Amino acid sequence: MKFNIFSVNRYESYLKKYDDDQLTGAKSLHYFMEHYEESLKQFGKSQSLSIFYSSLVNLHDYNLTNGYQDGSNLLKLYYSRLA
C-alpha cells in the first residue's frame, strides 16, 4: 500500500490543530489516546487517576431549540464544572 507523505503530514497537522476544543479548551479524545502513557507516568503507584470522557448526545437539537449561543454557553458551563 502506498502512502503520500504530504497527505499523512497534513492529516497529522489537522489532528494536532484540533487537540484542544476551540470553545472550551478541553483536550480531545485523540489527544488522550496519543498521550495517555506519559500522563500515567506523572502519577505514582500510590496515587489514583480518574478519567472522564463524555459525548453530549442531542446537542444539535438543543442548539436548534435554544440557539447556538445558548449551546455554546452550555458547553462552557459543562466544561468549567469538570475542570
PDB file of N, CA and C in Angstrom:
ATOM      1  N   MET A   1       0.844  -1.172   0.000  1.00  0.00           N
ATOM      2  CA  MET A   1       0.000   0.000   0.000  1.00  0.00           C
ATOM      3  C   MET A   1       0.894   1.240   0.000  1.00  0.00           C
ATOM      4  N   LYS A   2       0.640   2.173  -0.899  1.00  0.00           N
ATOM      5  CA  LYS A   2       1.439   3.389  -0.978  1.00  0.00           C
ATOM      6  C   LYS A   2       0.764   4.517  -0.198  1.00  0.00           C
ATOM      7  N   PHE A   3       1.586   5.321   0.450  1.00  0.00           N
ATOM      8  CA  PHE A   3       1.094   6.487   1.166  1.00  0.00           C
ATOM      9  C   PHE A   3       1.752   7.731   0.592  1.00  0.00           C
ATOM     10  N   ASN A   4       0.980   8.758   0.476  1.00  0.00           N
ATOM     11  CA  ASN A   4       1.505  10.050   0.084  1.00  0.00           C
ATOM     12  C   ASN A   4       1.941  10.756   1.365  1.00  0.00           C
ATOM     13  N   ILE A   5       3.239  10.990   1.526  1.00  0.00           N
ATOM     14  CA  ILE A   5       3.774  11.569   2.757  1.00  0.00           C
ATOM     15  C   ILE A   5       3.173  12.941   3.047  1.00  0.00           C
ATOM     16  N   PHE A   6       2.844  13.692   2.016  1.00  0.00           N
ATOM     17  CA  PHE A   6       2.244  15.010   2.231  1.00  0.00           C
ATOM     18  C   PHE A   6       0.843  14.877   2.806  1.00  0.00           C
ATOM     19  N   SER A   7       0.102  13.880   2.365  1.00  0.00           N
ATOM     20  CA  SER A   7      -1.243  13.647   2.897  1.00  0.00           C
ATOM     21  C   SER A   7      -1.172  13.209   4.356  1.00  0.00           C
ATOM     22  N   VAL A   8      -0.229  12.354   4.673  1.00  0.00           N
ATOM     23  CA  VAL A   8      -0.060  11.899   6.054  1.00  0.00           C
ATOM     24  C   VAL A   8       0.311  13.080   6.948  1.00  0.00           C
ATOM     25  N   ASN A   9       1.243  13.905   6.502  1.00  0.00           N
ATOM     26  CA  ASN A   9       1.648  15.074   7.286  1.00  0.00           C
ATOM     27  C   ASN A   9       0.489  16.046   7.481  1.00  0.00           C
ATOM     28  N   ARG A  10      -0.289  16.254   6.431  1.00  0.00           N
ATOM     29  CA  ARG A  10      -1.448  17.147   6.532  1.00  0.00           C
ATOM     30  C   ARG A  10      -2.454  16.615   7.545  1.00  0.00           C
ATOM     31  N   TYR A  11      -2.690  15.307   7.510  1.00  0.00           N
ATOM     32  CA  TYR A  11      -3.635  14.693   8.440  1.00  0.00           C
ATOM     33  C   TYR A  11      -3.133  14.813   9.882  1.00  0.00           C
ATOM     34  N   GLU A  12      -1.859  14.569  10.121  1.00  0.00           N
ATOM     35  CA  GLU A  12      -1.299  14.704  11.468  1.00  0.00           C
ATOM     36  C   GLU A  12      -1.388  16.142  11.953  1.00  0.00           C
ATOM     37  N   SER A  13      -1.132  17.102  11.068  1.00  0.00           N
ATOM     38  CA  SER A  13      -1.257  18.513  11.429  1.00  0.00           C
ATOM     39  C   SER A  13      -2.697  18.861  11.790  1.00  0.00           C
ATOM     40  N   TYR A  14      -3.626  18.318  11.019  1.00  0.00           N
ATOM     41  CA  TYR A  14      -5.049  18.547  11.287  1.00  0.00           C
ATOM     42  C   TYR A  14      -5.424  18.023  12.677  1.00  0.00           C
ATOM     43  N   LEU A  15      -4.983  16.814  13.007  1.00  0.00           N
ATOM     44  CA  LEU A  15      -5.314  16.238  14.304  1.00  0.00           C
ATOM     45  C   LEU A  15      -4.725  17.066  15.442  1.00  0.00           C
ATOM     46  N   LYS A  16      -3.490  17.508  15.291  1.00  0.00           N
ATOM     47  CA  LYS A  16      -2.849  18.317  16.333  1.00  0.00           C
ATOM     48  C   LYS A  16      -3.529  19.667  16.483  1.00  0.00           C
ATOM     49  N   LYS A  17      -3.974  20.231  15.370  1.00  0.00           N
ATOM     50  CA  LYS A  17      -4.643  21.535  15.414  1.00  0.00           C
ATOM     51  C   LYS A  17      -5.902  21.473  16.269  1.00  0.00           C
ATOM     52  N   TYR A  18      -6.586  20.330  16.234  1.00  0.00           N
ATOM     53  CA  TYR A  18      -7.827  20.199  16.964  1.00  0.00           C
ATOM     54  C   TYR A  18      -7.693  19.382  18.243  1.00  0.00           C
ATOM     55  N   ASP A  19      -6.484  19.324  18.818  1.00  0.00           N
ATOM     56  CA  ASP A  19      -6.306  18.656  20.105  1.00  0.00           C
ATOM     57  C   ASP A  19      -7.068  19.382  21.206  1.00  0.00           C
ATOM     58  N   ASP A  20      -7.154  20.693  21.115  1.00  0.00           N
ATOM     59  CA  ASP A  20      -7.902  21.492  22.087  1.00  0.00           C
ATOM     60  C   ASP A  20      -9.192  21.960  21.447  1.00  0.00           C
ATOM     61  N   ASP A  21     -10.299  21.770  22.154  1.00  0.00           N
ATOM     62  CA  ASP A  21     -11.566  22.293  21.678  1.00  0.00           C
ATOM     63  C   ASP A  21     -11.479  23.817  21.671  1.00  0.00           C
ATOM     64  N   GLN A  22     -11.834  24.433  20.578  1.00  0.00           N
ATOM     65  CA  GLN A  22     -11.666  25.877  20.443  1.00  0.00           C
ATOM     66  C   GLN A  22     -12.605  26.661  21.355  1.00  0.00           C
ATOM     67  N   LEU A  23     -13.723  26.082  21.734  1.00  0.00           N
ATOM     68  CA  LEU A  23     -14.676  26.783  22.596  1.00  0.00           C
ATOM     69  C   LEU A  23     -14.330  26.635  24.074  1.00  0.00           C
ATOM     70  N   THR A  24     -14.038  25.412  24.509  1.00  0.00           N
ATOM     71  CA  THR A  24     -13.830  25.150  25.935  1.00  0.00           C
ATOM     72  C   THR A  24     -12.371  24.999  26.331  1.00  0.00           C
ATOM     73  N   GLY A  25     -11.510  24.654  25.372  1.00  0.00           N
ATOM     74  CA  GLY A  25     -10.114  24.388  25.700  1.00  0.00           C
ATOM     75  C   GLY A  25      -9.870  22.965  26.164  1.00  0.00           C
ATOM     76  N   ALA A  26     -10.917  22.140  26.204  1.00  0.00           N
ATOM     77  CA  ALA A  26     -10.789  20.744  26.631  1.00  0.00           C
ATOM     78  C   ALA A  26      -9.975  19.957  25.613  1.00  0.00           C
ATOM     79  N   LYS A  27      -9.252  18.984  26.100  1.00  0.00           N
ATOM     80  CA  LYS A  27      -8.476  18.116  25.220  1.00  0.00           C
ATOM     81  C   LYS A  27      -9.400  17.119  24.524  1.00  0.00           C
ATOM     82  N   SER A  28      -9.036  16.735  23.318  1.00  0.00           N
ATOM     83  CA  SER A  28      -9.830  15.791  22.544  1.00  0.00           C
ATOM     84  C   SER A  28      -9.517  14.355  22.960  1.00  0.00           C
ATOM     85  N   LEU A  29     -10.387  13.446  22.570  1.00  0.00           N
ATOM     86  CA  LEU A  29     -10.134  12.026  22.803  1.00  0.00           C
ATOM     87  C   LEU A  29      -8.875  11.597  22.053  1.00  0.00           C
ATOM     88  N   HIS A  30      -8.660  12.138  20.873  1.00  0.00           N
ATOM     89  CA  HIS A  30      -7.452  11.830  20.103  1.00  0.00           C
ATOM     90  C   HIS A  30      -6.206  12.222  20.898  1.00  0.00           C
ATOM     91  N   TYR A  31      -6.209  13.393  21.518  1.00  0.00           N
ATOM     92  CA  TYR A  31      -5.075  13.839  22.316  1.00  0.00           C
ATOM     93  C   TYR A  31      -4.808  12.842  23.448  1.00  0.00           C
ATOM     94  N   PHE A  32      -5.870  12.434  24.123  1.00  0.00           N
ATOM     95  CA  PHE A  32      -5.701  11.484  25.216  1.00  0.00           C
ATOM     96  C   PHE A  32      -5.094  10.173  24.728  1.00  0.00           C
ATOM     97  N   MET A  33      -5.594   9.673  23.613  1.00  0.00           N
ATOM     98  CA  MET A  33      -5.098   8.401  23.085  1.00  0.00           C
ATOM     99  C   MET A  33      -3.618   8.492  22.719  1.00  0.00           C
ATOM    100  N   GLU A  34      -3.173   9.662  22.288  1.00  0.00           N
ATOM    101  CA  GLU A  34      -1.770   9.831  21.915  1.00  0.00           C
ATOM    102  C   GLU A  34      -0.860  10.041  23.123  1.00  0.00           C
ATOM    103  N   HIS A  35      -1.398  10.570  24.232  1.00  0.00           N
ATOM    104  CA  HIS A  35      -0.554  10.983  25.350  1.00  0.00           C
ATOM    105  C   HIS A  35      -0.861  10.287  26.675  1.00  0.00           C
ATOM    106  N   TYR A  36      -1.713   9.267  26.666  1.00  0.00           N
ATOM    107  CA  TYR A  36      -2.111   8.685  27.941  1.00  0.00           C
ATOM    108  C   TYR A  36      -0.949   8.038  28.687  1.00  0.00           C
ATOM    109  N   GLU A  37      -0.011   7.446  27.973  1.00  0.00           N
ATOM    110  CA  GLU A  37       1.103   6.785  28.658  1.00  0.00           C
ATOM    111  C   GLU A  37       1.943   7.780  29.446  1.00  0.00           C
ATOM    112  N   GLU A  38       2.269   8.905  28.831  1.00  0.00           N
ATOM    113  CA  GLU A  38       3.070   9.891  29.561  1.00  0.00           C
ATOM    114  C   GLU A  38       2.250  10.540  30.672  1.00  0.00           C
ATOM    115  N   SER A  39       0.936  10.626  30.500  1.00  0.00           N
ATOM    116  CA  SER A  39       0.082  11.148  31.571  1.00  0.00           C
ATOM    117  C   SER A  39       0.086  10.211  32.767  1.00  0.00           C
ATOM    118  N   LEU A  40       0.026   8.910  32.509  1.00  0.00           N
ATOM    119  CA  LEU A  40       0.023   7.933  33.596  1.00  0.00           C
ATOM    120  C   LEU A  40       1.336   7.925  34.356  1.00  0.00           C
ATOM    121  N   LYS A  41       2.436   8.201  33.667  1.00  0.00           N
ATOM    122  CA  LYS A  41       3.743   8.211  34.318  1.00  0.00           C
ATOM    123  C   LYS A  41       3.871   9.332  35.338  1.00  0.00           C
ATOM    124  N   GLN A  42       3.047  10.376  35.202  1.00  0.00           N
ATOM    125  CA  GLN A  42       3.100  11.503  36.139  1.00  0.00           C
ATOM    126  C   GLN A  42       2.544  11.124  37.510  1.00  0.00           C
ATOM    127  N   PHE A  43       1.773  10.041  37.562  1.00  0.00           N
ATOM    128  CA  PHE A  43       1.169   9.606  38.818  1.00  0.00           C
ATOM    129  C   PHE A  43       1.967   8.452  39.381  1.00  0.00           C
ATOM    130  N   GLY A  44       2.217   8.510  40.669  1.00  0.00           N
ATOM    131  CA  GLY A  44       2.907   7.414  41.329  1.00  0.00           C
ATOM    132  C   GLY A  44       1.960   6.248  41.558  1.00  0.00           C
ATOM    133  N   LYS A  45       2.508   5.113  41.969  1.00  0.00           N
ATOM    134  CA  LYS A  45       1.676   3.937  42.195  1.00  0.00           C
ATOM    135  C   LYS A  45       0.718   4.131  43.366  1.00  0.00           C
ATOM    136  N   SER A  46       1.050   5.041  44.266  1.00  0.00           N
ATOM    137  CA  SER A  46       0.181   5.265  45.421  1.00  0.00           C
ATOM    138  C   SER A  46      -0.956   6.238  45.106  1.00  0.00           C
ATOM    139  N   GLN A  47      -0.933   6.861  43.943  1.00  0.00           N
ATOM    140  CA  GLN A  47      -1.983   7.804  43.567  1.00  0.00           C
ATOM    141  C   GLN A  47      -2.992   7.140  42.643  1.00  0.00           C
ATOM    142  N   SER A  48      -4.202   7.626  42.701  1.00  0.00           N
ATOM    143  CA  SER A  48      -5.220   7.100  41.793  1.00  0.00           C
ATOM    144  C   SER A  48      -5.521   8.151  40.726  1.00  0.00           C
ATOM    145  N   LEU A  49      -6.008   7.695  39.617  1.00  0.00           N
ATOM    146  CA  LEU A  49      -6.291   8.558  38.485  1.00  0.00           C
ATOM    147  C   LEU A  49      -7.690   8.269  37.980  1.00  0.00           C
ATOM    148  N   SER A  50      -8.471   9.315  37.776  1.00  0.00           N
ATOM    149  CA  SER A  50      -9.804   9.170  37.188  1.00  0.00           C
ATOM    150  C   SER A  50      -9.819   9.886  35.853  1.00  0.00           C
ATOM    151  N   ILE A  51     -10.435   9.255  34.896  1.00  0.00           N
ATOM    152  CA  ILE A  51     -10.553   9.843  33.563  1.00  0.00           C
ATOM    153  C   ILE A  51     -12.026   9.932  33.237  1.00  0.00           C
ATOM    154  N   PHE A  52     -12.448  11.096  32.814  1.00  0.00           N
ATOM    155  CA  PHE A  52     -13.844  11.317  32.468  1.00  0.00           C
ATOM    156  C   PHE A  52     -13.918  11.708  31.007  1.00  0.00           C
ATOM    157  N   TYR A  53     -14.680  10.948  30.238  1.00  0.00           N
ATOM    158  CA  TYR A  53     -14.893  11.261  28.831  1.00  0.00           C
ATOM    159  C   TYR A  53     -16.388  11.308  28.601  1.00  0.00           C
ATOM    160  N   SER A  54     -16.822  12.336  27.923  1.00  0.00           N
ATOM    161  CA  SER A  54     -18.256  12.489  27.706  1.00  0.00           C
ATOM    162  C   SER A  54     -18.527  12.889  26.269  1.00  0.00           C
ATOM    163  N   SER A  55     -19.613  12.391  25.760  1.00  0.00           N
ATOM    164  CA  SER A  55     -20.090  12.787  24.449  1.00  0.00           C
ATOM    165  C   SER A  55     -21.518  13.272  24.645  1.00  0.00           C
ATOM    166  N   LEU A  56     -21.748  14.523  24.336  1.00  0.00           N
ATOM    167  CA  LEU A  56     -23.082  15.084  24.543  1.00  0.00           C
ATOM    168  C   LEU A  56     -23.991  14.717  23.380  1.00  0.00           C
ATOM    169  N   VAL A  57     -24.962  13.889  23.675  1.00  0.00           N
ATOM    170  CA  VAL A  57     -25.911  13.444  22.668  1.00  0.00           C
ATOM    171  C   VAL A  57     -27.000  14.505  22.522  1.00  0.00           C
ATOM    172  N   ASN A  58     -27.417  14.728  21.318  1.00  0.00           N
ATOM    173  CA  ASN A  58     -28.514  15.648  21.007  1.00  0.00           C
ATOM    174  C   ASN A  58     -28.183  17.124  21.256  1.00  0.00           C
ATOM    175  N   LEU A  59     -26.912  17.479  21.284  1.00  0.00           N
ATOM    176  CA  LEU A  59     -26.566  18.893  21.425  1.00  0.00           C
ATOM    177  C   LEU A  59     -27.077  19.684  20.222  1.00  0.00           C
ATOM    178  N   HIS A  60     -27.073  19.068  19.069  1.00  0.00           N
ATOM    179  CA  HIS A  60     -27.584  19.738  17.873  1.00  0.00           C
ATOM    180  C   HIS A  60     -29.055  20.118  18.059  1.00  0.00           C
ATOM    181  N   ASP A  61     -29.847  19.214  18.633  1.00  0.00           N
ATOM    182  CA  ASP A  61     -31.256  19.512  18.906  1.00  0.00           C
ATOM    183  C   ASP A  61     -31.392  20.669  19.888  1.00  0.00           C
ATOM    184  N   TYR A  62     -30.541  20.676  20.910  1.00  0.00           N
ATOM    185  CA  TYR A  62     -30.545  21.773  21.889  1.00  0.00           C
ATOM    186  C   TYR A  62     -30.242  23.099  21.190  1.00  0.00           C
ATOM    187  N   ASN A  63     -29.245  23.083  20.301  1.00  0.00           N
ATOM    188  CA  ASN A  63     -28.890  24.295  19.567  1.00  0.00           C
ATOM    189  C   ASN A  63     -30.051  24.786  18.709  1.00  0.00           C
ATOM    190  N   LEU A  64     -30.729  23.870  18.043  1.00  0.00           N
ATOM    191  CA  LEU A  64     -31.851  24.264  17.184  1.00  0.00           C
ATOM    192  C   LEU A  64     -33.010  24.840  18.001  1.00  0.00           C
ATOM    193  N   THR A  65     -33.217  24.297  19.183  1.00  0.00           N
ATOM    194  CA  THR A  65     -34.319  24.752  20.033  1.00  0.00           C
ATOM    195  C   THR A  65     -33.997  26.059  20.748  1.00  0.00           C
ATOM    196  N   ASN A  66     -32.789  26.168  21.276  1.00  0.00           N
ATOM    197  CA  ASN A  66     -32.431  27.294  22.147  1.00  0.00           C
ATOM    198  C   ASN A  66     -31.465  28.294  21.525  1.00  0.00           C
ATOM    199  N   GLY A  67     -30.902  27.951  20.378  1.00  0.00           N
ATOM    200  CA  GLY A  67     -29.941  28.832  19.725  1.00  0.00           C
ATOM    201  C   GLY A  67     -28.516  28.377  19.980  1.00  0.00           C
ATOM    202  N   TYR A  68     -27.654  28.670  19.027  1.00  0.00           N
ATOM    203  CA  TYR A  68     -26.261  28.214  19.111  1.00  0.00           C
ATOM    204  C   TYR A  68     -25.486  28.909  20.223  1.00  0.00           C
ATOM    205  N   GLN A  69     -25.832  30.152  20.526  1.00  0.00           N
ATOM    206  CA  GLN A  69     -25.136  30.839  21.619  1.00  0.00           C
ATOM    207  C   GLN A  69     -25.436  30.155  22.953  1.00  0.00           C
ATOM    208  N   ASP A  70     -26.690  29.763  23.163  1.00  0.00           N
ATOM    209  CA  ASP A  70     -27.028  29.022  24.382  1.00  0.00           C
ATOM    210  C   ASP A  70     -26.317  27.674  24.421  1.00  0.00           C
ATOM    211  N   GLY A  71     -26.203  27.021  23.260  1.00  0.00           N
ATOM    212  CA  GLY A  71     -25.466  25.758  23.201  1.00  0.00           C
ATOM    213  C   GLY A  71     -24.008  25.950  23.569  1.00  0.00           C
ATOM    214  N   SER A  72     -23.401  27.023  23.078  1.00  0.00           N
ATOM    215  CA  SER A  72     -22.009  27.332  23.433  1.00  0.00           C
ATOM    216  C   SER A  72     -21.883  27.616  24.923  1.00  0.00           C
ATOM    217  N   ASN A  73     -22.831  28.374  25.461  1.00  0.00           N
ATOM    218  CA  ASN A  73     -22.799  28.671  26.901  1.00  0.00           C
ATOM    219  C   ASN A  73     -22.943  27.401  27.728  1.00  0.00           C
ATOM    220  N   LEU A  74     -23.789  26.477  27.265  1.00  0.00           N
ATOM    221  CA  LEU A  74     -23.952  25.201  27.956  1.00  0.00           C
ATOM    222  C   LEU A  74     -22.643  24.416  27.966  1.00  0.00           C
ATOM    223  N   LEU A  75     -21.963  24.359  26.830  1.00  0.00           N
ATOM    224  CA  LEU A  75     -20.691  23.642  26.764  1.00  0.00           C
ATOM    225  C   LEU A  75     -19.649  24.270  27.688  1.00  0.00           C
ATOM    226  N   LYS A  76     -19.584  25.597  27.703  1.00  0.00           N
ATOM    227  CA  LYS A  76     -18.624  26.279  28.578  1.00  0.00           C
ATOM    228  C   LYS A  76     -18.919  25.983  30.045  1.00  0.00           C
ATOM    229  N   LEU A  77     -20.201  26.030  30.407  1.00  0.00           N
ATOM    230  CA  LEU A  77     -20.593  25.739  31.786  1.00  0.00           C
ATOM    231  C   LEU A  77     -20.265  24.295  32.145  1.00  0.00           C
ATOM    232  N   TYR A  78     -20.597  23.390  31.271  1.00  0.00           N
ATOM    233  CA  TYR A  78     -20.332  21.974  31.470  1.00  0.00           C
ATOM    234  C   TYR A  78     -18.846  21.719  31.695  1.00  0.00           C
ATOM    235  N   TYR A  79     -18.016  22.292  30.825  1.00  0.00           N
ATOM    236  CA  TYR A  79     -16.571  22.068  30.961  1.00  0.00           C
ATOM    237  C   TYR A  79     -16.017  22.738  32.209  1.00  0.00           C
ATOM    238  N   SER A  80     -16.509  23.931  32.551  1.00  0.00           N
ATOM    239  CA  SER A  80     -15.983  24.630  33.733  1.00  0.00           C
ATOM    240  C   SER A  80     -16.252  23.833  35.005  1.00  0.00           C
ATOM    241  N   ARG A  81     -17.328  23.064  35.027  1.00  0.00           N
ATOM    242  CA  ARG A  81     -17.639  22.240  36.201  1.00  0.00           C
ATOM    243  C   ARG A  81     -16.729  21.022  36.275  1.00  0.00           C
ATOM    244  N   LEU A  82     -16.227  20.580  35.123  1.00  0.00           N
ATOM    245  CA  LEU A  82     -15.356  19.394  35.102  1.00  0.00           C
ATOM    246  C   LEU A  82     -13.907  19.744  35.366  1.00  0.00           C
ATOM    247  N   ALA A  83     -13.495  20.911  34.939  1.00  0.00           N
ATOM    248  CA  ALA A  83     -12.077  21.291  35.006  1.00  0.00           C
ATOM    249  C   ALA A  83     -11.644  21.616  36.418  1.00  0.00           C
TER     250      ALA A  83
END
